[in-house]
């Protein structure tokens, strides 16, 4: 991403209402994926769900990532 794109994202993560909604979504998604991981059979599906879980967890760090990259 470009520096301008990171700076544009600051508007999203610095708005408390929007950021709380992102956090709520990420936490709910993580819970759904954890349950799915527990019921997953087969290595291919297991890896796929793990990747989705990692991506959802990264949303919890979105604000810190954006601030760091917008500098």
N, C-alpha and C. Protein backbone atom coordinates (compact mmCIF):
# COMPACT_ATOMS: atom_id res chain seq x y z
N UNK A 1 0.85 -1.18 0.00
CA UNK A 1 0.00 0.00 0.00
C UNK A 1 0.89 1.24 0.00
N UNK A 2 0.34 2.29 -0.52
CA UNK A 2 1.10 3.54 -0.56
C UNK A 2 0.93 4.31 0.75
N UNK A 3 1.80 5.25 0.95
CA UNK A 3 1.74 6.10 2.15
C UNK A 3 0.40 6.83 2.23
N UNK A 4 -0.10 7.30 1.08
CA UNK A 4 -1.38 8.00 1.06
C UNK A 4 -2.52 7.07 1.46
N UNK A 5 -2.50 5.84 1.00
CA UNK A 5 -3.55 4.89 1.37
C UNK A 5 -3.54 4.63 2.87
N UNK A 6 -2.36 4.47 3.45
CA UNK A 6 -2.27 4.27 4.91
C UNK A 6 -2.83 5.48 5.64
N UNK A 7 -2.49 6.68 5.15
CA UNK A 7 -2.98 7.90 5.81
C UNK A 7 -4.49 8.04 5.66
N UNK A 8 -5.03 7.62 4.52
CA UNK A 8 -6.48 7.66 4.34
C UNK A 8 -7.17 6.72 5.33
N UNK A 9 -6.54 5.60 5.63
CA UNK A 9 -7.11 4.66 6.59
C UNK A 9 -7.12 5.20 8.02
N UNK A 10 -6.29 6.20 8.28
CA UNK A 10 -6.29 6.81 9.62
C UNK A 10 -7.68 7.35 9.98
N UNK A 11 -8.40 7.85 8.97
CA UNK A 11 -9.75 8.36 9.22
C UNK A 11 -10.66 7.26 9.77
N UNK A 12 -10.48 6.07 9.29
CA UNK A 12 -11.29 4.94 9.74
C UNK A 12 -10.93 4.50 11.15
N UNK A 13 -9.64 4.30 11.39
CA UNK A 13 -9.24 3.75 12.69
C UNK A 13 -9.23 4.78 13.81
N UNK A 14 -9.20 6.06 13.46
CA UNK A 14 -9.23 7.09 14.49
C UNK A 14 -10.65 7.50 14.87
N UNK A 15 -11.64 7.05 14.12
CA UNK A 15 -13.03 7.29 14.47
C UNK A 15 -13.45 6.19 15.44
N UNK A 16 -13.69 6.55 16.67
CA UNK A 16 -13.96 5.57 17.73
C UNK A 16 -15.16 4.69 17.43
N UNK A 17 -16.23 5.28 16.89
CA UNK A 17 -17.42 4.49 16.58
C UNK A 17 -17.15 3.44 15.51
N UNK A 18 -16.50 3.85 14.43
CA UNK A 18 -16.18 2.91 13.36
C UNK A 18 -15.23 1.83 13.84
N UNK A 19 -14.23 2.25 14.59
CA UNK A 19 -13.22 1.28 15.03
C UNK A 19 -13.82 0.25 16.00
N UNK A 20 -14.74 0.69 16.84
CA UNK A 20 -15.40 -0.27 17.74
C UNK A 20 -16.21 -1.29 16.95
N UNK A 21 -16.84 -0.85 15.87
CA UNK A 21 -17.59 -1.78 15.02
C UNK A 21 -16.66 -2.80 14.35
N UNK A 22 -15.50 -2.34 13.92
CA UNK A 22 -14.51 -3.24 13.32
C UNK A 22 -14.05 -4.26 14.35
N UNK A 23 -13.79 -3.80 15.56
CA UNK A 23 -13.34 -4.69 16.63
C UNK A 23 -14.42 -5.72 16.98
N UNK A 24 -15.67 -5.27 17.04
CA UNK A 24 -16.77 -6.18 17.33
C UNK A 24 -16.88 -7.24 16.24
N UNK A 25 -16.80 -6.83 14.99
CA UNK A 25 -16.86 -7.77 13.88
C UNK A 25 -15.72 -8.79 13.97
N UNK A 26 -14.51 -8.31 14.21
CA UNK A 26 -13.35 -9.20 14.27
C UNK A 26 -13.51 -10.23 15.39
N UNK A 27 -13.96 -9.80 16.55
CA UNK A 27 -14.13 -10.73 17.67
C UNK A 27 -15.20 -11.78 17.38
N UNK A 28 -16.30 -11.37 16.78
CA UNK A 28 -17.35 -12.32 16.42
C UNK A 28 -16.86 -13.30 15.37
N UNK A 29 -16.13 -12.78 14.39
CA UNK A 29 -15.60 -13.63 13.31
C UNK A 29 -14.61 -14.65 13.87
N UNK A 30 -13.77 -14.22 14.79
CA UNK A 30 -12.80 -15.12 15.42
C UNK A 30 -13.52 -16.24 16.15
N UNK A 31 -14.57 -15.91 16.86
CA UNK A 31 -15.33 -16.93 17.59
C UNK A 31 -15.96 -17.94 16.63
N UNK A 32 -16.54 -17.46 15.55
CA UNK A 32 -17.13 -18.34 14.55
C UNK A 32 -16.06 -19.26 13.96
N UNK A 33 -14.91 -18.68 13.62
CA UNK A 33 -13.84 -19.47 13.01
C UNK A 33 -13.23 -20.47 13.99
N UNK A 34 -13.15 -20.13 15.26
CA UNK A 34 -12.67 -21.08 16.27
C UNK A 34 -13.59 -22.30 16.34
N UNK A 35 -14.89 -22.03 16.35
CA UNK A 35 -15.85 -23.13 16.37
C UNK A 35 -15.74 -23.98 15.11
N UNK A 36 -15.56 -23.32 13.99
CA UNK A 36 -15.41 -24.04 12.73
C UNK A 36 -14.13 -24.87 12.73
N UNK A 37 -13.07 -24.33 13.31
CA UNK A 37 -11.79 -25.04 13.38
C UNK A 37 -11.92 -26.32 14.20
N UNK A 38 -12.68 -26.24 15.28
CA UNK A 38 -12.88 -27.41 16.13
C UNK A 38 -13.63 -28.53 15.40
N UNK A 39 -14.46 -28.18 14.45
CA UNK A 39 -15.27 -29.17 13.74
C UNK A 39 -14.67 -29.56 12.38
N UNK A 40 -13.57 -28.94 12.01
CA UNK A 40 -12.97 -29.18 10.69
C UNK A 40 -12.29 -30.53 10.63
N UNK A 41 -12.51 -31.18 9.51
CA UNK A 41 -11.86 -32.47 9.25
C UNK A 41 -11.06 -32.33 7.96
N UNK A 42 -9.87 -32.87 7.96
CA UNK A 42 -9.03 -32.80 6.77
C UNK A 42 -8.03 -31.67 6.86
N UNK A 43 -6.80 -31.96 6.46
CA UNK A 43 -5.72 -30.98 6.57
C UNK A 43 -5.94 -29.74 5.71
N UNK A 44 -6.51 -29.92 4.51
CA UNK A 44 -6.71 -28.77 3.63
C UNK A 44 -7.67 -27.76 4.23
N UNK A 45 -8.79 -28.25 4.73
CA UNK A 45 -9.77 -27.36 5.35
C UNK A 45 -9.22 -26.74 6.62
N UNK A 46 -8.45 -27.49 7.37
CA UNK A 46 -7.87 -27.00 8.61
C UNK A 46 -6.96 -25.80 8.32
N UNK A 47 -6.11 -25.92 7.32
CA UNK A 47 -5.21 -24.83 6.95
C UNK A 47 -5.98 -23.60 6.46
N UNK A 48 -7.04 -23.84 5.71
CA UNK A 48 -7.85 -22.74 5.20
C UNK A 48 -8.49 -21.96 6.34
N UNK A 49 -9.05 -22.66 7.31
CA UNK A 49 -9.69 -22.00 8.45
C UNK A 49 -8.64 -21.28 9.30
N UNK A 50 -7.47 -21.88 9.45
CA UNK A 50 -6.39 -21.22 10.21
C UNK A 50 -6.01 -19.90 9.56
N UNK A 51 -5.93 -19.88 8.23
CA UNK A 51 -5.61 -18.65 7.51
C UNK A 51 -6.67 -17.58 7.70
N UNK A 52 -7.92 -17.98 7.67
CA UNK A 52 -9.02 -17.04 7.90
C UNK A 52 -8.96 -16.50 9.33
N UNK A 53 -8.63 -17.36 10.27
CA UNK A 53 -8.53 -16.96 11.67
C UNK A 53 -7.41 -15.94 11.86
N UNK A 54 -6.28 -16.18 11.22
CA UNK A 54 -5.16 -15.23 11.31
C UNK A 54 -5.55 -13.88 10.74
N UNK A 55 -6.24 -13.88 9.61
CA UNK A 55 -6.66 -12.62 9.00
C UNK A 55 -7.63 -11.86 9.90
N UNK A 56 -8.54 -12.58 10.53
CA UNK A 56 -9.49 -11.94 11.45
C UNK A 56 -8.76 -11.35 12.66
N UNK A 57 -7.75 -12.06 13.14
CA UNK A 57 -6.97 -11.55 14.28
C UNK A 57 -6.20 -10.29 13.90
N UNK A 58 -5.78 -10.21 12.65
CA UNK A 58 -5.06 -9.01 12.20
C UNK A 58 -5.95 -7.77 12.24
N UNK A 59 -7.26 -7.96 12.09
CA UNK A 59 -8.18 -6.83 12.20
C UNK A 59 -8.13 -6.22 13.59
N UNK A 60 -7.86 -7.05 14.61
CA UNK A 60 -7.76 -6.53 15.97
C UNK A 60 -6.55 -5.60 16.11
N UNK A 61 -5.58 -5.74 15.24
CA UNK A 61 -4.37 -4.91 15.27
C UNK A 61 -4.37 -3.83 14.19
N UNK A 62 -5.52 -3.64 13.55
CA UNK A 62 -5.59 -2.72 12.42
C UNK A 62 -5.13 -1.31 12.77
N UNK A 63 -5.60 -0.80 13.88
CA UNK A 63 -5.25 0.59 14.24
C UNK A 63 -3.75 0.74 14.40
N UNK A 64 -3.12 -0.16 15.11
CA UNK A 64 -1.68 -0.07 15.32
C UNK A 64 -0.92 -0.20 14.01
N UNK A 65 -1.38 -1.09 13.13
CA UNK A 65 -0.74 -1.29 11.83
C UNK A 65 -0.85 -0.04 10.97
N UNK A 66 -2.03 0.56 10.94
CA UNK A 66 -2.23 1.75 10.13
C UNK A 66 -1.38 2.90 10.66
N UNK A 67 -1.39 3.11 11.95
CA UNK A 67 -0.61 4.21 12.54
C UNK A 67 0.87 4.03 12.24
N UNK A 68 1.36 2.82 12.39
CA UNK A 68 2.78 2.54 12.15
C UNK A 68 3.15 2.79 10.68
N UNK A 69 2.31 2.37 9.77
CA UNK A 69 2.62 2.50 8.35
C UNK A 69 2.31 3.89 7.77
N UNK A 70 1.53 4.68 8.48
CA UNK A 70 1.19 6.01 7.99
C UNK A 70 2.27 7.04 8.32
N UNK A 71 3.26 6.64 9.13
CA UNK A 71 4.33 7.58 9.51
C UNK A 71 5.20 7.92 8.35
